[in-house]
N, C-alpha and C. Protein backbone atom coordinates (compact mmCIF):
# COMPACT_ATOMS: atom_id res chain seq x y z
N MET A 1 1.52 -1.66 -8.95
CA MET A 1 0.81 -0.74 -8.08
C MET A 1 -0.65 -0.70 -8.49
N ASP A 2 -1.51 -0.75 -7.50
CA ASP A 2 -2.93 -0.63 -7.80
C ASP A 2 -3.37 0.83 -7.83
N PHE A 3 -2.69 1.66 -7.05
CA PHE A 3 -2.98 3.09 -7.05
C PHE A 3 -1.72 3.82 -6.61
N VAL A 4 -1.46 4.96 -7.24
CA VAL A 4 -0.33 5.79 -6.82
C VAL A 4 -0.74 7.25 -6.88
N SER A 5 -0.34 7.99 -5.86
CA SER A 5 -0.48 9.45 -5.87
C SER A 5 0.94 10.00 -5.88
N PHE A 6 1.32 10.57 -7.01
CA PHE A 6 2.66 11.14 -7.11
C PHE A 6 2.80 12.38 -6.26
N SER A 7 1.73 13.16 -6.14
CA SER A 7 1.81 14.39 -5.34
C SER A 7 1.96 14.08 -3.85
N LEU A 8 1.29 13.04 -3.37
CA LEU A 8 1.40 12.65 -1.96
C LEU A 8 2.49 11.61 -1.72
N ARG A 9 2.97 11.00 -2.80
CA ARG A 9 3.98 9.95 -2.72
C ARG A 9 3.47 8.78 -1.89
N ILE A 10 2.26 8.34 -2.24
CA ILE A 10 1.62 7.20 -1.60
C ILE A 10 1.32 6.15 -2.66
N VAL A 11 1.65 4.90 -2.35
CA VAL A 11 1.34 3.76 -3.20
C VAL A 11 0.40 2.86 -2.42
N ILE A 12 -0.67 2.42 -3.06
CA ILE A 12 -1.59 1.47 -2.44
C ILE A 12 -1.54 0.17 -3.24
N GLU A 13 -1.32 -0.91 -2.51
CA GLU A 13 -1.27 -2.24 -3.11
C GLU A 13 -2.38 -3.09 -2.51
N LEU A 14 -3.13 -3.77 -3.35
CA LEU A 14 -4.13 -4.74 -2.92
C LEU A 14 -3.59 -6.11 -3.26
N ASP A 15 -3.37 -6.90 -2.23
CA ASP A 15 -2.69 -8.19 -2.41
C ASP A 15 -3.66 -9.36 -2.30
N GLY A 16 -3.59 -10.23 -3.27
CA GLY A 16 -4.30 -11.49 -3.22
C GLY A 16 -3.39 -12.58 -2.70
N GLY A 17 -3.87 -13.79 -2.69
CA GLY A 17 -3.12 -14.92 -2.14
C GLY A 17 -1.78 -15.16 -2.79
N GLN A 18 -1.61 -14.79 -4.05
CA GLN A 18 -0.34 -15.01 -4.73
C GLN A 18 0.81 -14.24 -4.08
N HIS A 19 0.48 -13.19 -3.33
CA HIS A 19 1.51 -12.39 -2.68
C HIS A 19 2.04 -13.05 -1.41
N ALA A 20 1.41 -14.15 -1.00
CA ALA A 20 1.86 -14.87 0.20
C ALA A 20 2.95 -15.90 -0.12
N THR A 21 3.22 -16.13 -1.40
CA THR A 21 4.25 -17.09 -1.76
C THR A 21 5.63 -16.47 -1.53
N PHE A 22 6.60 -17.31 -1.23
CA PHE A 22 7.95 -16.81 -0.92
C PHE A 22 8.55 -15.99 -2.07
N PRO A 23 8.55 -16.50 -3.31
CA PRO A 23 9.16 -15.69 -4.38
C PRO A 23 8.47 -14.34 -4.57
N GLN A 24 7.13 -14.33 -4.52
CA GLN A 24 6.41 -13.07 -4.72
C GLN A 24 6.66 -12.13 -3.55
N HIS A 25 6.72 -12.67 -2.35
CA HIS A 25 6.98 -11.85 -1.17
C HIS A 25 8.36 -11.18 -1.29
N GLN A 26 9.35 -11.92 -1.75
CA GLN A 26 10.69 -11.34 -1.95
C GLN A 26 10.64 -10.23 -2.98
N HIS A 27 9.96 -10.47 -4.07
CA HIS A 27 9.84 -9.46 -5.13
C HIS A 27 9.15 -8.20 -4.59
N ASP A 28 8.05 -8.39 -3.87
CA ASP A 28 7.31 -7.26 -3.30
C ASP A 28 8.19 -6.47 -2.34
N ALA A 29 8.93 -7.17 -1.48
CA ALA A 29 9.78 -6.49 -0.49
C ALA A 29 10.87 -5.66 -1.17
N ALA A 30 11.47 -6.21 -2.22
CA ALA A 30 12.52 -5.48 -2.94
C ALA A 30 11.94 -4.23 -3.61
N ARG A 31 10.78 -4.37 -4.21
CA ARG A 31 10.15 -3.22 -4.86
C ARG A 31 9.73 -2.18 -3.83
N ASP A 32 9.19 -2.64 -2.69
CA ASP A 32 8.80 -1.71 -1.62
C ASP A 32 10.01 -0.92 -1.13
N ARG A 33 11.14 -1.60 -0.94
CA ARG A 33 12.36 -0.90 -0.50
C ARG A 33 12.75 0.18 -1.50
N TRP A 34 12.71 -0.15 -2.78
CA TRP A 34 13.08 0.82 -3.81
C TRP A 34 12.12 2.01 -3.78
N LEU A 35 10.83 1.74 -3.69
CA LEU A 35 9.85 2.83 -3.65
C LEU A 35 10.04 3.70 -2.42
N GLU A 36 10.31 3.10 -1.27
CA GLU A 36 10.56 3.87 -0.05
C GLU A 36 11.80 4.74 -0.20
N GLU A 37 12.82 4.22 -0.87
CA GLU A 37 14.03 5.02 -1.12
C GLU A 37 13.71 6.23 -1.99
N GLN A 38 12.66 6.13 -2.80
CA GLN A 38 12.24 7.24 -3.66
C GLN A 38 11.29 8.18 -2.93
N GLY A 39 10.99 7.89 -1.65
CA GLY A 39 10.15 8.76 -0.85
C GLY A 39 8.68 8.38 -0.80
N PHE A 40 8.34 7.20 -1.30
CA PHE A 40 6.94 6.77 -1.29
C PHE A 40 6.61 6.03 -0.01
N LEU A 41 5.37 6.20 0.43
CA LEU A 41 4.80 5.41 1.51
C LEU A 41 3.98 4.32 0.85
N ILE A 42 4.21 3.07 1.23
CA ILE A 42 3.48 1.95 0.64
C ILE A 42 2.46 1.45 1.64
N LEU A 43 1.22 1.40 1.21
CA LEU A 43 0.14 0.83 2.01
C LEU A 43 -0.30 -0.45 1.33
N ARG A 44 -0.19 -1.56 2.06
CA ARG A 44 -0.59 -2.86 1.52
C ARG A 44 -1.81 -3.36 2.27
N PHE A 45 -2.77 -3.84 1.51
CA PHE A 45 -3.98 -4.42 2.07
C PHE A 45 -4.25 -5.75 1.38
N TRP A 46 -4.64 -6.74 2.18
CA TRP A 46 -5.09 -8.00 1.59
C TRP A 46 -6.46 -7.76 0.98
N ASN A 47 -6.76 -8.46 -0.09
CA ASN A 47 -8.07 -8.34 -0.71
C ASN A 47 -9.19 -8.59 0.29
N THR A 48 -8.98 -9.55 1.19
CA THR A 48 -10.02 -9.84 2.19
C THR A 48 -10.24 -8.66 3.12
N ASP A 49 -9.19 -7.87 3.41
CA ASP A 49 -9.36 -6.67 4.24
C ASP A 49 -10.29 -5.68 3.55
N VAL A 50 -10.12 -5.53 2.25
CA VAL A 50 -10.96 -4.61 1.48
C VAL A 50 -12.41 -5.09 1.49
N LEU A 51 -12.60 -6.38 1.33
CA LEU A 51 -13.95 -6.94 1.29
C LEU A 51 -14.63 -6.95 2.65
N LEU A 52 -13.88 -7.21 3.72
CA LEU A 52 -14.48 -7.41 5.04
C LEU A 52 -14.35 -6.21 5.97
N SER A 53 -13.43 -5.30 5.65
CA SER A 53 -13.18 -4.17 6.56
C SER A 53 -12.85 -2.90 5.79
N MET A 54 -13.74 -2.55 4.88
CA MET A 54 -13.50 -1.38 4.05
C MET A 54 -13.30 -0.12 4.89
N ASP A 55 -14.07 0.02 5.98
CA ASP A 55 -13.92 1.21 6.82
C ASP A 55 -12.51 1.30 7.40
N GLY A 56 -11.95 0.18 7.83
CA GLY A 56 -10.60 0.18 8.36
C GLY A 56 -9.56 0.53 7.30
N VAL A 57 -9.75 0.01 6.10
CA VAL A 57 -8.84 0.31 4.99
C VAL A 57 -8.90 1.80 4.67
N LEU A 58 -10.09 2.34 4.54
CA LEU A 58 -10.23 3.76 4.23
C LEU A 58 -9.67 4.64 5.34
N SER A 59 -9.86 4.22 6.58
CA SER A 59 -9.32 4.98 7.71
C SER A 59 -7.80 5.03 7.65
N ARG A 60 -7.18 3.92 7.32
CA ARG A 60 -5.72 3.89 7.22
C ARG A 60 -5.23 4.76 6.08
N ILE A 61 -5.95 4.75 4.96
CA ILE A 61 -5.57 5.60 3.82
C ILE A 61 -5.70 7.07 4.19
N LEU A 62 -6.80 7.44 4.83
CA LEU A 62 -6.99 8.84 5.25
C LEU A 62 -5.92 9.27 6.25
N ASP A 63 -5.55 8.40 7.17
CA ASP A 63 -4.47 8.71 8.10
C ASP A 63 -3.18 9.01 7.37
N ALA A 64 -2.87 8.21 6.35
CA ALA A 64 -1.66 8.41 5.57
C ALA A 64 -1.70 9.75 4.84
N ILE A 65 -2.87 10.08 4.28
CA ILE A 65 -3.01 11.36 3.58
C ILE A 65 -2.80 12.51 4.56
N ARG A 66 -3.39 12.39 5.73
CA ARG A 66 -3.24 13.44 6.75
C ARG A 66 -1.77 13.58 7.16
N GLN A 67 -1.08 12.48 7.33
CA GLN A 67 0.34 12.52 7.70
C GLN A 67 1.16 13.22 6.64
N ARG A 68 0.75 13.05 5.41
CA ARG A 68 1.47 13.68 4.30
C ARG A 68 1.07 15.15 4.16
N GLY A 69 0.11 15.60 5.01
CA GLY A 69 -0.21 17.02 5.09
C GLY A 69 -1.10 17.56 4.00
N SER A 70 -2.01 16.75 3.49
CA SER A 70 -2.83 17.25 2.39
C SER A 70 -4.27 16.80 2.51
N PHE A 71 -4.88 17.04 3.68
CA PHE A 71 -6.30 16.72 3.82
C PHE A 71 -6.80 17.22 5.14
């Protein structure tokens, strides 16, 4: 996890190219399922999204915070 808020139960993941490989994708999906079962919302962003569309990334994060009722 690149960032986690335990109070909001939000996990933010920043994914580089290694996450596009089949074995890593399977690992990520299994971990995401487990985290969701624990009540976490997982937000995944490609590194290029952060570099090229920071406003969109921040907007999605703020939307998630609002949905969780704390902003």
